[in-house]
Amino acid sequence: MDWDDLRVFLAVARSESLSGAGKRLMLDPATVGRRIARLEDTIGARLFIKSPQGYTLTDQGTGLIPHAERAETAMVGAREALSGPEGLTGQIRIGAPDGCANYLLPQVLAAICDENPGLEAQIVALPRVFNLSKREADLAIAVSRPEAGRLTVQKLTDYQLHLAASRDYLASHPAITDLSQLNAHRLIGYIPDMIFDKELDYLSQIGAGAVPLASNSVSVQLNWLRQGAGVGVVHDFALPSAPELIKVLPDTVHLTRAFWLIRHADDARADRLNRFASRLADGIRREVQRLEALS
């Protein structure tokens, strides 16, 4: 069985389409289709069912996945062994919620890339949970520990959040000396039905009411606050980038959350990813501590 055909098989399984697999592999969809047909002929089994929704794995295809992933891990390990331990090279993609992606990862990854000129780092900033089984990313950062899946999970660090508003907003609106007074102010937060993790439901936790200004993006929320549009919950590590904002009721509202680094279980023996994960974890911990000390 040819590894290159298995590589194509994994790409189709993860993207659920020939065109999506072609984009990953830089092949045209027709070539991808021919390679899948060749692999099916070789093993004498149908691997996918084509439907209007895309390509779905058959039972035989599902059974082939773990074997193909072990072959993939072995090939990655072989490349790492040949390239040596001198430095990190190649492309590594990290999925992260946009608060982390905007205010922590840029400077942390820039420092890692300065130390490893052959490394290409990609940040996928999306407000949702990443599917590592489909290889949407090599590693993912999440705000809660996953309870299912073939994953390895490492706690990175705790981080703090507080209510905040701009000085201009607070100067032109009624004073906030008690949590119950928040109802007299315009709140900024997440779109309720787009909160993808219960750990992000900050305003419900503190008993706040309706959210007139809502976005699934932390950056949009922060910019609303900077414009003096209302009061909302902010990561302490983001406050240094928004000097217009000050904490509101800091002794009353003080939230603690955590970042978790998530990897596919098959990558546990990949030396390159292990070294990268270690450097990433150290960098994020230091950066959170540095920024929170400035907030």
C-alpha atoms as a PDB file:
ATOM      1  CA  MET A   1       0.000   0.000   0.000  1.00  0.00           C
ATOM      2  CA  ASP A   2       1.477   3.328  -1.097  1.00  0.00           C
ATOM      3  CA  TRP A   3       1.932   6.023   1.605  1.00  0.00           C
ATOM      4  CA  ASP A   4       1.137   8.755  -0.913  1.00  0.00           C
ATOM      5  CA  ASP A   5      -2.286   7.184  -1.528  1.00  0.00           C
ATOM      6  CA  LEU A   6      -2.881   7.003   2.226  1.00  0.00           C
ATOM      7  CA  ARG A   7      -1.988  10.686   2.474  1.00  0.00           C
ATOM      8  CA  VAL A   8      -4.652  11.478  -0.118  1.00  0.00           C
ATOM      9  CA  PHE A   9      -7.130   9.233   1.701  1.00  0.00           C
ATOM     10  CA  LEU A  10      -6.585  11.135   4.979  1.00  0.00           C
ATOM     11  CA  ALA A  11      -7.014  14.489   3.250  1.00  0.00           C
ATOM     12  CA  VAL A  12     -10.375  13.445   1.756  1.00  0.00           C
ATOM     13  CA  ALA A  13     -11.529  11.980   5.075  1.00  0.00           C
ATOM     14  CA  ARG A  14     -10.668  15.211   6.902  1.00  0.00           C
ATOM     15  CA  SER A  15     -12.068  17.669   4.373  1.00  0.00           C
ATOM     16  CA  GLU A  16     -14.981  15.425   3.247  1.00  0.00           C
ATOM     17  CA  SER A  17     -14.533  16.557  -0.353  1.00  0.00           C
ATOM     18  CA  LEU A  18     -12.186  16.081  -3.289  1.00  0.00           C
ATOM     19  CA  SER A  19     -11.773  19.822  -3.760  1.00  0.00           C
ATOM     20  CA  GLY A  20     -10.963  20.386  -0.096  1.00  0.00           C
ATOM     21  CA  ALA A  21      -8.414  17.593  -0.160  1.00  0.00           C
ATOM     22  CA  GLY A  22      -6.949  19.018  -3.353  1.00  0.00           C
ATOM     23  CA  LYS A  23      -6.408  22.388  -1.694  1.00  0.00           C
ATOM     24  CA  ARG A  24      -4.584  20.735   1.209  1.00  0.00           C
ATOM     25  CA  LEU A  25      -2.376  18.677  -1.089  1.00  0.00           C
ATOM     26  CA  MET A  26      -2.075  21.174  -3.978  1.00  0.00           C
ATOM     27  CA  LEU A  27      -3.595  18.653  -6.390  1.00  0.00           C
ATOM     28  CA  ASP A  28      -6.552  19.079  -8.711  1.00  0.00           C
ATOM     29  CA  PRO A  29      -9.763  17.292  -7.592  1.00  0.00           C
ATOM     30  CA  ALA A  30      -9.692  14.898 -10.563  1.00  0.00           C
ATOM     31  CA  THR A  31      -6.259  13.647  -9.521  1.00  0.00           C
ATOM     32  CA  VAL A  32      -7.467  13.200  -5.948  1.00  0.00           C
ATOM     33  CA  GLY A  33     -10.424  11.184  -7.226  1.00  0.00           C
ATOM     34  CA  ARG A  34      -8.171   8.928  -9.298  1.00  0.00           C
ATOM     35  CA  ARG A  35      -5.873   8.314  -6.349  1.00  0.00           C
ATOM     36  CA  ILE A  36      -8.806   7.326  -4.137  1.00  0.00           C
ATOM     37  CA  ALA A  37     -10.082   4.974  -6.842  1.00  0.00           C
ATOM     38  CA  ARG A  38      -6.612   3.415  -7.117  1.00  0.00           C
ATOM     39  CA  LEU A  39      -6.428   2.872  -3.364  1.00  0.00           C
ATOM     40  CA  GLU A  40      -9.904   1.297  -3.325  1.00  0.00           C
ATOM     41  CA  ASP A  41      -8.864  -1.039  -6.133  1.00  0.00           C
ATOM     42  CA  THR A  42      -5.662  -1.949  -4.279  1.00  0.00           C
ATOM     43  CA  ILE A  43      -7.397  -2.941  -1.044  1.00  0.00           C
ATOM     44  CA  GLY A  44     -10.571  -4.229  -2.680  1.00  0.00           C
ATOM     45  CA  ALA A  45     -12.959  -2.118  -0.605  1.00  0.00           C
ATOM     46  CA  ARG A  46     -14.992   1.022  -0.990  1.00  0.00           C
ATOM     47  CA  LEU A  47     -13.719   3.752   1.328  1.00  0.00           C
ATOM     48  CA  PHE A  48     -16.164   6.617   0.720  1.00  0.00           C
ATOM     49  CA  ILE A  49     -19.808   7.183  -0.106  1.00  0.00           C
ATOM     50  CA  LYS A  50     -20.457  10.269  -2.212  1.00  0.00           C
ATOM     51  CA  SER A  51     -23.529  12.319  -1.296  1.00  0.00           C
ATOM     52  CA  PRO A  52     -24.730  15.918  -1.818  1.00  0.00           C
ATOM     53  CA  GLN A  53     -23.118  16.728   1.556  1.00  0.00           C
ATOM     54  CA  GLY A  54     -19.717  15.416   0.460  1.00  0.00           C
ATOM     55  CA  TYR A  55     -17.608  12.282   0.898  1.00  0.00           C
ATOM     56  CA  THR A  56     -18.511  10.134   3.921  1.00  0.00           C
ATOM     57  CA  LEU A  57     -16.371   7.277   5.183  1.00  0.00           C
ATOM     58  CA  THR A  58     -17.695   3.737   4.837  1.00  0.00           C
ATOM     59  CA  ASP A  59     -17.126   1.204   7.610  1.00  0.00           C
ATOM     60  CA  GLN A  60     -14.043   0.023   5.741  1.00  0.00           C
ATOM     61  CA  GLY A  61     -12.808   3.602   5.408  1.00  0.00           C
ATOM     62  CA  THR A  62     -13.354   4.269   9.104  1.00  0.00           C
ATOM     63  CA  GLY A  63     -11.365   1.133   9.902  1.00  0.00           C
ATOM     64  CA  LEU A  64      -8.470   2.340   7.757  1.00  0.00           C
ATOM     65  CA  ILE A  65      -8.178   5.734   9.521  1.00  0.00           C
ATOM     66  CA  PRO A  66      -6.081   4.667  12.553  1.00  0.00           C
ATOM     67  CA  HIS A  67      -3.677   2.699  10.343  1.00  0.00           C
ATOM     68  CA  ALA A  68      -3.268   5.652   7.977  1.00  0.00           C
ATOM     69  CA  GLU A  69      -2.712   8.024  10.899  1.00  0.00           C
ATOM     70  CA  ARG A  70      -0.020   5.753  12.345  1.00  0.00           C
ATOM     71  CA  ALA A  71       1.679   5.770   8.931  1.00  0.00           C
ATOM     72  CA  GLU A  72       1.415   9.561   8.895  1.00  0.00           C
ATOM     73  CA  THR A  73       3.017   9.797  12.341  1.00  0.00           C
ATOM     74  CA  ALA A  74       5.819   7.486  11.238  1.00  0.00           C
ATOM     75  CA  MET A  75       6.532   9.607   8.156  1.00  0.00           C
ATOM     76  CA  VAL A  76       6.632  12.793  10.224  1.00  0.00           C
ATOM     77  CA  GLY A  77       9.005  11.107  12.666  1.00  0.00           C
ATOM     78  CA  ALA A  78      11.252   9.980   9.836  1.00  0.00           C
ATOM     79  CA  ARG A  79      11.457  13.522   8.439  1.00  0.00           C
ATOM     80  CA  GLU A  80      12.307  14.868  11.887  1.00  0.00           C
ATOM     81  CA  ALA A  81      15.016  12.261  12.388  1.00  0.00           C
ATOM     82  CA  LEU A  82      16.622  13.200   9.070  1.00  0.00           C
ATOM     83  CA  SER A  83      16.404  16.956   9.678  1.00  0.00           C
ATOM     84  CA  GLY A  84      18.053  16.693  13.103  1.00  0.00           C
ATOM     85  CA  PRO A  85      17.325  18.495  16.371  1.00  0.00           C
ATOM     86  CA  GLU A  86      19.068  21.786  15.565  1.00  0.00           C
ATOM     87  CA  GLY A  87      15.908  23.852  15.164  1.00  0.00           C
ATOM     88  CA  LEU A  88      12.205  23.768  14.428  1.00  0.00           C
ATOM     89  CA  THR A  89      11.349  23.824  10.738  1.00  0.00           C
ATOM     90  CA  GLY A  90       8.320  23.439   8.511  1.00  0.00           C
ATOM     91  CA  GLN A  91       4.763  24.594   9.026  1.00  0.00           C
ATOM     92  CA  ILE A  92       2.835  24.401  12.308  1.00  0.00           C
ATOM     93  CA  ARG A  93      -0.788  25.534  12.522  1.00  0.00           C
ATOM     94  CA  ILE A  94      -2.394  26.496  15.834  1.00  0.00           C
ATOM     95  CA  GLY A  95      -6.119  26.906  16.386  1.00  0.00           C
ATOM     96  CA  ALA A  96      -7.125  29.242  19.202  1.00  0.00           C
ATOM     97  CA  PRO A  97     -10.034  31.337  20.478  1.00  0.00           C
ATOM     98  CA  ASP A  98      -9.627  34.887  19.249  1.00  0.00           C
ATOM     99  CA  GLY A  99      -8.742  36.406  22.617  1.00  0.00           C
ATOM    100  CA  CYS A 100      -5.655  34.225  22.838  1.00  0.00           C
ATOM    101  CA  ALA A 101      -5.039  34.484  19.097  1.00  0.00           C
ATOM    102  CA  ASN A 102      -5.091  38.291  19.103  1.00  0.00           C
ATOM    103  CA  TYR A 103      -3.427  39.256  22.365  1.00  0.00           C
ATOM    104  CA  LEU A 104      -1.007  36.422  23.201  1.00  0.00           C
ATOM    105  CA  LEU A 105      -0.054  34.236  20.245  1.00  0.00           C
ATOM    106  CA  PRO A 106       1.368  36.917  17.895  1.00  0.00           C
ATOM    107  CA  GLN A 107       4.206  37.932  20.204  1.00  0.00           C
ATOM    108  CA  VAL A 108       4.788  34.407  21.554  1.00  0.00           C
ATOM    109  CA  LEU A 109       5.021  32.886  18.074  1.00  0.00           C
ATOM    110  CA  ALA A 110       7.142  35.754  16.779  1.00  0.00           C
ATOM    111  CA  ALA A 111       9.696  34.988  19.499  1.00  0.00           C
ATOM    112  CA  ILE A 112       9.668  31.264  18.678  1.00  0.00           C
ATOM    113  CA  CYS A 113      10.124  31.988  14.964  1.00  0.00           C
ATOM    114  CA  ASP A 114      13.008  34.372  15.735  1.00  0.00           C
ATOM    115  CA  GLU A 115      14.743  31.446  17.427  1.00  0.00           C
ATOM    116  CA  ASN A 116      13.822  29.047  14.593  1.00  0.00           C
ATOM    117  CA  PRO A 117      14.108  30.817  11.215  1.00  0.00           C
ATOM    118  CA  GLY A 118      12.971  27.711   9.328  1.00  0.00           C
ATOM    119  CA  LEU A 119       9.637  27.585  11.128  1.00  0.00           C
ATOM    120  CA  GLU A 120       6.370  28.724   9.537  1.00  0.00           C
ATOM    121  CA  ALA A 121       3.671  29.491  12.126  1.00  0.00           C
ATOM    122  CA  GLN A 122      -0.019  29.834  11.286  1.00  0.00           C
ATOM    123  CA  ILE A 123      -2.738  31.061  13.664  1.00  0.00           C
ATOM    124  CA  VAL A 124      -6.333  30.056  12.976  1.00  0.00           C
ATOM    125  CA  ALA A 125      -8.435  32.407  15.117  1.00  0.00           C
ATOM    126  CA  LEU A 126     -11.955  31.050  15.248  1.00  0.00           C
ATOM    127  CA  PRO A 127     -14.569  31.251  18.022  1.00  0.00           C
ATOM    128  CA  ARG A 128     -15.263  27.530  18.149  1.00  0.00           C
ATOM    129  CA  VAL A 129     -13.809  24.157  19.125  1.00  0.00           C
ATOM    130  CA  PHE A 130     -11.252  22.768  16.662  1.00  0.00           C
ATOM    131  CA  ASN A 131     -11.421  19.254  15.233  1.00  0.00           C
ATOM    132  CA  LEU A 132      -7.909  17.861  15.483  1.00  0.00           C
ATOM    133  CA  SER A 133      -9.018  14.508  14.065  1.00  0.00           C
ATOM    134  CA  LYS A 134      -9.670  16.314  10.779  1.00  0.00           C
ATOM    135  CA  ARG A 135      -6.303  18.054  11.128  1.00  0.00           C
ATOM    136  CA  GLU A 136      -7.807  21.538  11.070  1.00  0.00           C
ATOM    137  CA  ALA A 137      -4.744  22.425  13.129  1.00  0.00           C
ATOM    138  CA  ASP A 138      -1.646  20.698  14.480  1.00  0.00           C
ATOM    139  CA  LEU A 139      -2.391  21.955  17.982  1.00  0.00           C
ATOM    140  CA  ALA A 140      -5.334  23.764  19.517  1.00  0.00           C
ATOM    141  CA  ILE A 141      -5.787  26.001  22.517  1.00  0.00           C
ATOM    142  CA  ALA A 142      -9.124  25.782  24.325  1.00  0.00           C
ATOM    143  CA  VAL A 143     -10.783  27.378  27.347  1.00  0.00           C
ATOM    144  CA  SER A 144     -12.028  24.093  28.797  1.00  0.00           C
ATOM    145  CA  ARG A 145     -10.530  20.629  29.044  1.00  0.00           C
ATOM    146  CA  PRO A 146     -12.047  18.214  26.488  1.00  0.00           C
ATOM    147  CA  GLU A 147     -13.550  15.068  27.953  1.00  0.00           C
ATOM    148  CA  ALA A 148     -13.664  12.898  24.829  1.00  0.00           C
ATOM    149  CA  GLY A 149     -11.531  11.996  21.835  1.00  0.00           C
ATOM    150  CA  ARG A 150      -8.050  10.587  21.277  1.00  0.00           C
ATOM    151  CA  LEU A 151      -6.269  13.654  22.581  1.00  0.00           C
ATOM    152  CA  THR A 152      -3.422  14.688  24.827  1.00  0.00           C
ATOM    153  CA  VAL A 153      -4.242  17.690  26.995  1.00  0.00           C
ATOM    154  CA  GLN A 154      -1.931  20.014  28.902  1.00  0.00           C
ATOM    155  CA  LYS A 155      -2.942  22.943  31.082  1.00  0.00           C
ATOM    156  CA  LEU A 156      -1.084  26.062  29.968  1.00  0.00           C
ATOM    157  CA  THR A 157      -2.026  28.708  32.497  1.00  0.00           C
ATOM    158  CA  ASP A 158      -4.813  30.400  34.412  1.00  0.00           C
ATOM    159  CA  TYR A 159      -5.816  33.899  33.346  1.00  0.00           C
ATOM    160  CA  GLN A 160      -7.981  36.621  34.859  1.00  0.00           C
ATOM    161  CA  LEU A 161     -10.928  38.665  33.579  1.00  0.00           C
ATOM    162  CA  HIS A 162     -12.699  41.753  34.946  1.00  0.00           C
ATOM    163  CA  LEU A 163     -15.508  44.082  34.031  1.00  0.00           C
ATOM    164  CA  ALA A 164     -14.195  47.162  32.261  1.00  0.00           C
ATOM    165  CA  ALA A 165     -15.374  50.322  30.523  1.00  0.00           C
ATOM    166  CA  SER A 166     -13.751  53.383  29.027  1.00  0.00           C
ATOM    167  CA  ARG A 167     -13.020  56.440  31.142  1.00  0.00           C
ATOM    168  CA  ASP A 168     -15.253  58.524  28.865  1.00  0.00           C
ATOM    169  CA  TYR A 169     -18.161  56.123  29.287  1.00  0.00           C
ATOM    170  CA  LEU A 170     -17.857  56.044  33.064  1.00  0.00           C
ATOM    171  CA  ALA A 171     -17.589  59.831  33.235  1.00  0.00           C
ATOM    172  CA  SER A 172     -20.842  60.324  31.326  1.00  0.00           C
ATOM    173  CA  HIS A 173     -22.987  57.579  32.899  1.00  0.00           C
ATOM    174  CA  PRO A 174     -24.250  56.771  36.402  1.00  0.00           C
ATOM    175  CA  ALA A 175     -21.611  55.492  38.802  1.00  0.00           C
ATOM    176  CA  ILE A 176     -21.289  51.714  39.256  1.00  0.00           C
ATOM    177  CA  THR A 177     -20.710  50.941  42.923  1.00  0.00           C
ATOM    178  CA  ASP A 178     -22.724  47.724  43.129  1.00  0.00           C
ATOM    179  CA  LEU A 179     -23.296  44.763  40.806  1.00  0.00           C
ATOM    180  CA  SER A 180     -27.057  45.395  40.742  1.00  0.00           C
ATOM    181  CA  GLN A 181     -26.413  48.764  39.083  1.00  0.00           C
ATOM    182  CA  LEU A 182     -25.158  47.066  35.914  1.00  0.00           C
ATOM    183  CA  ASN A 183     -28.782  46.796  34.759  1.00  0.00           C
ATOM    184  CA  ALA A 184     -28.761  50.571  34.252  1.00  0.00           C
ATOM    185  CA  HIS A 185     -25.874  50.284  31.786  1.00  0.00           C
ATOM    186  CA  ARG A 186     -25.480  48.947  28.260  1.00  0.00           C
ATOM    187  CA  LEU A 187     -23.669  45.615  28.375  1.00  0.00           C
ATOM    188  CA  ILE A 188     -21.275  44.249  25.769  1.00  0.00           C
ATOM    189  CA  GLY A 189     -20.623  40.521  25.431  1.00  0.00           C
ATOM    190  CA  TYR A 190     -21.055  37.361  23.404  1.00  0.00           C
ATOM    191  CA  ILE A 191     -24.042  36.547  21.205  1.00  0.00           C
ATOM    192  CA  PRO A 192     -25.860  34.131  23.545  1.00  0.00           C
ATOM    193  CA  ASP A 193     -26.587  31.381  21.017  1.00  0.00           C
ATOM    194  CA  MET A 194     -23.019  31.527  19.663  1.00  0.00           C
ATOM    195  CA  ILE A 195     -21.238  30.893  22.961  1.00  0.00           C
ATOM    196  CA  PHE A 196     -19.360  27.738  22.009  1.00  0.00           C
ATOM    197  CA  ASP A 197     -18.039  26.956  25.496  1.00  0.00           C
ATOM    198  CA  LYS A 198     -19.787  27.423  28.838  1.00  0.00           C
ATOM    199  CA  GLU A 199     -16.593  28.937  30.254  1.00  0.00           C
ATOM    200  CA  LEU A 200     -17.241  31.985  28.058  1.00  0.00           C
ATOM    201  CA  ASP A 201     -20.681  32.713  29.497  1.00  0.00           C
ATOM    202  CA  TYR A 202     -19.254  35.374  31.782  1.00  0.00           C
ATOM    203  CA  LEU A 203     -22.218  37.705  32.058  1.00  0.00           C
ATOM    204  CA  SER A 204     -24.634  34.955  33.029  1.00  0.00           C
ATOM    205  CA  GLN A 205     -22.246  33.916  35.777  1.00  0.00           C
ATOM    206  CA  ILE A 206     -22.393  37.356  37.367  1.00  0.00           C
ATOM    207  CA  GLY A 207     -26.164  37.579  36.956  1.00  0.00           C
ATOM    208  CA  ALA A 208     -26.153  40.267  34.275  1.00  0.00           C
ATOM    209  CA  GLY A 209     -29.198  40.878  32.100  1.00  0.00           C
ATOM    210  CA  ALA A 210     -29.628  41.406  28.366  1.00  0.00           C
ATOM    211  CA  VAL A 211     -26.636  42.188  26.134  1.00  0.00           C
ATOM    212  CA  PRO A 212     -27.619  44.968  23.688  1.00  0.00           C
ATOM    213  CA  LEU A 213     -24.218  44.929  21.960  1.00  0.00           C
ATOM    214  CA  ALA A 214     -23.055  41.399  21.214  1.00  0.00           C
ATOM    215  CA  SER A 215     -20.431  39.722  19.033  1.00  0.00           C
ATOM    216  CA  ASN A 216     -18.823  36.299  18.794  1.00  0.00           C
ATOM    217  CA  SER A 217     -15.467  38.099  18.584  1.00  0.00           C
ATOM    218  CA  VAL A 218     -13.478  39.232  21.627  1.00  0.00           C
ATOM    219  CA  SER A 219     -11.770  41.886  19.487  1.00  0.00           C
ATOM    220  CA  VAL A 220     -15.089  43.396  18.411  1.00  0.00           C
ATOM    221  CA  GLN A 221     -16.246  43.489  22.026  1.00  0.00           C
ATOM    222  CA  LEU A 222     -13.022  45.182  23.099  1.00  0.00           C
ATOM    223  CA  ASN A 223     -13.307  47.797  20.369  1.00  0.00           C
ATOM    224  CA  TRP A 224     -16.875  48.590  21.412  1.00  0.00           C
ATOM    225  CA  LEU A 225     -15.611  49.131  24.935  1.00  0.00           C
ATOM    226  CA  ARG A 226     -12.788  51.361  23.667  1.00  0.00           C
ATOM    227  CA  GLN A 227     -15.342  53.461  21.785  1.00  0.00           C
ATOM    228  CA  GLY A 228     -17.261  54.073  25.027  1.00  0.00           C
ATOM    229  CA  ALA A 229     -20.231  51.949  24.007  1.00  0.00           C
ATOM    230  CA  GLY A 230     -20.818  50.211  27.350  1.00  0.00           C
ATOM    231  CA  VAL A 231     -19.512  47.829  29.992  1.00  0.00           C
ATOM    232  CA  GLY A 232     -18.197  44.301  29.397  1.00  0.00           C
ATOM    233  CA  VAL A 233     -15.874  41.542  30.571  1.00  0.00           C
ATOM    234  CA  VAL A 234     -12.277  41.830  29.386  1.00  0.00           C
ATOM    235  CA  HIS A 235      -9.216  39.593  29.634  1.00  0.00           C
ATOM    236  CA  ASP A 236      -6.669  41.238  31.903  1.00  0.00           C
ATOM    237  CA  PHE A 237      -3.972  40.351  29.353  1.00  0.00           C
ATOM    238  CA  ALA A 238      -5.822  42.459  26.750  1.00  0.00           C
ATOM    239  CA  LEU A 239      -6.095  45.587  28.924  1.00  0.00           C
ATOM    240  CA  PRO A 240      -2.553  46.868  28.214  1.00  0.00           C
ATOM    241  CA  SER A 241      -3.526  47.157  24.546  1.00  0.00           C
ATOM    242  CA  ALA A 242      -6.543  49.312  25.498  1.00  0.00           C
ATOM    243  CA  PRO A 243      -5.323  52.097  27.816  1.00  0.00           C
ATOM    244  CA  GLU A 244      -8.729  53.828  27.532  1.00  0.00           C
ATOM    245  CA  LEU A 245     -10.281  51.094  29.662  1.00  0.00           C
ATOM    246  CA  ILE A 246     -10.346  50.758  33.429  1.00  0.00           C
ATOM    247  CA  LYS A 247     -11.647  47.944  35.589  1.00  0.00           C
ATOM    248  CA  VAL A 248     -15.153  48.195  37.035  1.00  0.00           C
ATOM    249  CA  LEU A 249     -15.964  46.624  40.432  1.00  0.00           C
ATOM    250  CA  PRO A 250     -12.609  44.784  40.459  1.00  0.00           C
ATOM    251  CA  ASP A 251     -13.107  43.515  44.003  1.00  0.00           C
ATOM    252  CA  THR A 252     -16.597  42.188  43.234  1.00  0.00           C
ATOM    253  CA  VAL A 253     -16.211  40.731  39.744  1.00  0.00           C
ATOM    254  CA  HIS A 254     -13.018  38.716  39.354  1.00  0.00           C
ATOM    255  CA  LEU A 255     -13.174  35.728  36.985  1.00  0.00           C
ATOM    256  CA  THR A 256     -10.508  33.057  36.533  1.00  0.00           C
ATOM    257  CA  ARG A 257     -10.288  30.800  33.503  1.00  0.00           C
ATOM    258  CA  ALA A 258      -7.617  28.530  32.008  1.00  0.00           C
ATOM    259  CA  PHE A 259      -6.067  27.813  28.633  1.00  0.00           C
ATOM    260  CA  TRP A 260      -5.501  24.167  27.643  1.00  0.00           C
ATOM    261  CA  LEU A 261      -3.170  22.931  24.922  1.00  0.00           C
ATOM    262  CA  ILE A 262      -4.724  20.065  22.969  1.00  0.00           C
ATOM    263  CA  ARG A 263      -2.987  17.679  20.578  1.00  0.00           C
ATOM    264  CA  HIS A 264      -3.942  14.551  18.717  1.00  0.00           C
ATOM    265  CA  ALA A 265      -2.855  11.462  20.651  1.00  0.00           C
ATOM    266  CA  ASP A 266      -0.904  10.136  17.658  1.00  0.00           C
ATOM    267  CA  ASP A 267       1.393  13.184  17.826  1.00  0.00           C
ATOM    268  CA  ALA A 268       2.693  12.389  21.314  1.00  0.00           C
ATOM    269  CA  ARG A 269       5.882  10.861  19.896  1.00  0.00           C
ATOM    270  CA  ALA A 270       6.480  13.608  17.312  1.00  0.00           C
ATOM    271  CA  ASP A 271       9.657  15.270  18.591  1.00  0.00           C
ATOM    272  CA  ARG A 272       9.183  18.456  16.576  1.00  0.00           C
ATOM    273  CA  LEU A 273       5.686  19.061  17.968  1.00  0.00           C
ATOM    274  CA  ASN A 274       6.835  18.145  21.474  1.00  0.00           C
ATOM    275  CA  ARG A 275       9.589  20.736  21.344  1.00  0.00           C
ATOM    276  CA  PHE A 276       7.277  23.325  19.847  1.00  0.00           C
ATOM    277  CA  ALA A 277       4.560  22.641  22.438  1.00  0.00           C
ATOM    278  CA  SER A 278       7.061  23.055  25.275  1.00  0.00           C
ATOM    279  CA  ARG A 279       8.284  26.387  23.898  1.00  0.00           C
ATOM    280  CA  LEU A 280       4.720  27.554  23.272  1.00  0.00           C
ATOM    281  CA  ALA A 281       3.571  26.672  26.787  1.00  0.00           C
ATOM    282  CA  ASP A 282       6.480  28.526  28.382  1.00  0.00           C
ATOM    283  CA  GLY A 283       5.899  31.553  26.172  1.00  0.00           C
ATOM    284  CA  ILE A 284       2.180  31.803  26.900  1.00  0.00           C
ATOM    285  CA  ARG A 285       2.686  31.476  30.654  1.00  0.00           C
ATOM    286  CA  ARG A 286       5.296  34.224  30.695  1.00  0.00           C
ATOM    287  CA  GLU A 287       3.253  36.515  28.446  1.00  0.00           C
ATOM    288  CA  VAL A 288       0.081  36.170  30.523  1.00  0.00           C
ATOM    289  CA  GLN A 289       2.050  36.968  33.683  1.00  0.00           C
ATOM    290  CA  ARG A 290       3.745  39.970  32.052  1.00  0.00           C
ATOM    291  CA  LEU A 291       0.556  41.488  30.634  1.00  0.00           C
ATOM    292  CA  GLU A 292      -1.564  40.859  33.707  1.00  0.00           C
ATOM    293  CA  ALA A 293       1.060  42.648  35.799  1.00  0.00           C
ATOM    294  CA  LEU A 294       0.550  45.715  33.568  1.00  0.00           C
ATOM    295  CA  SER A 295      -3.263  45.683  33.693  1.00  0.00           C
END
